[in-house]
Amino acid sequence: MTKRYWNINLEEMMKAGV
């Protein structure tokens, strides 16, 4: 797993959480 992948996952989670 790359850091970029994790970053995208975090952003998606944040968007879904909003």
PDB file of N, CA and C in Angstrom:
ATOM      1  N   MET A   1       0.859  -1.214   0.000  1.00  0.00           N
ATOM      2  CA  MET A   1       0.000   0.000   0.000  1.00  0.00           C
ATOM      3  C   MET A   1       0.887   1.254   0.000  1.00  0.00           C
ATOM      4  N   THR A   2       0.559   2.160  -0.874  1.00  0.00           N
ATOM      5  CA  THR A   2       1.367   3.386  -0.938  1.00  0.00           C
ATOM      6  C   THR A   2       0.721   4.499  -0.120  1.00  0.00           C
ATOM      7  N   LYS A   3       1.509   5.476   0.208  1.00  0.00           N
ATOM      8  CA  LYS A   3       0.963   6.586   1.013  1.00  0.00           C
ATOM      9  C   LYS A   3      -0.150   7.295   0.236  1.00  0.00           C
ATOM     10  N   ARG A   4       0.050   7.385  -1.082  1.00  0.00           N
ATOM     11  CA  ARG A   4      -0.950   8.081  -1.904  1.00  0.00           C
ATOM     12  C   ARG A   4      -2.305   7.361  -1.756  1.00  0.00           C
ATOM     13  N   TYR A   5      -2.259   6.048  -1.807  1.00  0.00           N
ATOM     14  CA  TYR A   5      -3.509   5.280  -1.699  1.00  0.00           C
ATOM     15  C   TYR A   5      -4.200   5.592  -0.374  1.00  0.00           C
ATOM     16  N   TRP A   6      -3.420   5.655   0.680  1.00  0.00           N
ATOM     17  CA  TRP A   6      -3.989   5.935   2.002  1.00  0.00           C
ATOM     18  C   TRP A   6      -4.590   7.348   2.017  1.00  0.00           C
ATOM     19  N   ASN A   7      -3.866   8.276   1.398  1.00  0.00           N
ATOM     20  CA  ASN A   7      -4.340   9.662   1.347  1.00  0.00           C
ATOM     21  C   ASN A   7      -5.697   9.712   0.649  1.00  0.00           C
ATOM     22  N   ILE A   8      -5.817   9.020  -0.464  1.00  0.00           N
ATOM     23  CA  ILE A   8      -7.087   9.016  -1.211  1.00  0.00           C
ATOM     24  C   ILE A   8      -8.180   8.404  -0.338  1.00  0.00           C
ATOM     25  N   ASN A   9      -7.840   7.327   0.350  1.00  0.00           N
ATOM     26  CA  ASN A   9      -8.826   6.670   1.202  1.00  0.00           C
ATOM     27  C   ASN A   9      -9.295   7.637   2.288  1.00  0.00           C
ATOM     28  N   LEU A  10      -8.379   8.359   2.873  1.00  0.00           N
ATOM     29  CA  LEU A  10      -8.722   9.302   3.945  1.00  0.00           C
ATOM     30  C   LEU A  10      -9.655  10.382   3.396  1.00  0.00           C
ATOM     31  N   GLU A  11      -9.312  10.903   2.242  1.00  0.00           N
ATOM     32  CA  GLU A  11     -10.148  11.960   1.643  1.00  0.00           C
ATOM     33  C   GLU A  11     -11.546  11.430   1.357  1.00  0.00           C
ATOM     34  N   GLU A  12     -11.614  10.212   0.839  1.00  0.00           N
ATOM     35  CA  GLU A  12     -12.934   9.631   0.518  1.00  0.00           C
ATOM     36  C   GLU A  12     -13.736   9.451   1.799  1.00  0.00           C
ATOM     37  N   MET A  13     -13.084   8.979   2.839  1.00  0.00           N
ATOM     38  CA  MET A  13     -13.770   8.768   4.128  1.00  0.00           C
ATOM     39  C   MET A  13     -14.292  10.114   4.648  1.00  0.00           C
ATOM     40  N   MET A  14     -13.455  11.125   4.570  1.00  0.00           N
ATOM     41  CA  MET A  14     -13.860  12.454   5.050  1.00  0.00           C
ATOM     42  C   MET A  14     -15.077  12.935   4.254  1.00  0.00           C
ATOM     43  N   LYS A  15     -15.020  12.785   2.935  1.00  0.00           N
ATOM     44  CA  LYS A  15     -16.145  13.223   2.076  1.00  0.00           C
ATOM     45  C   LYS A  15     -17.410  12.473   2.472  1.00  0.00           C
ATOM     46  N   ALA A  16     -17.289  11.178   2.680  1.00  0.00           N
ATOM     47  CA  ALA A  16     -18.463  10.371   3.032  1.00  0.00           C
ATOM     48  C   ALA A  16     -18.950  10.765   4.429  1.00  0.00           C
ATOM     49  N   GLY A  17     -18.014  11.142   5.293  1.00  0.00           N
ATOM     50  CA  GLY A  17     -18.395  11.513   6.668  1.00  0.00           C
ATOM     51  C   GLY A  17     -19.129  12.851   6.684  1.00  0.00           C
ATOM     52  N   VAL A  18     -18.757  13.736   5.787  1.00  0.00           N
ATOM     53  CA  VAL A  18     -19.370  15.080   5.777  1.00  0.00           C
ATOM     54  C   VAL A  18     -20.871  14.973   5.569  1.00  0.00           C
TER      55      VAL A  18
END
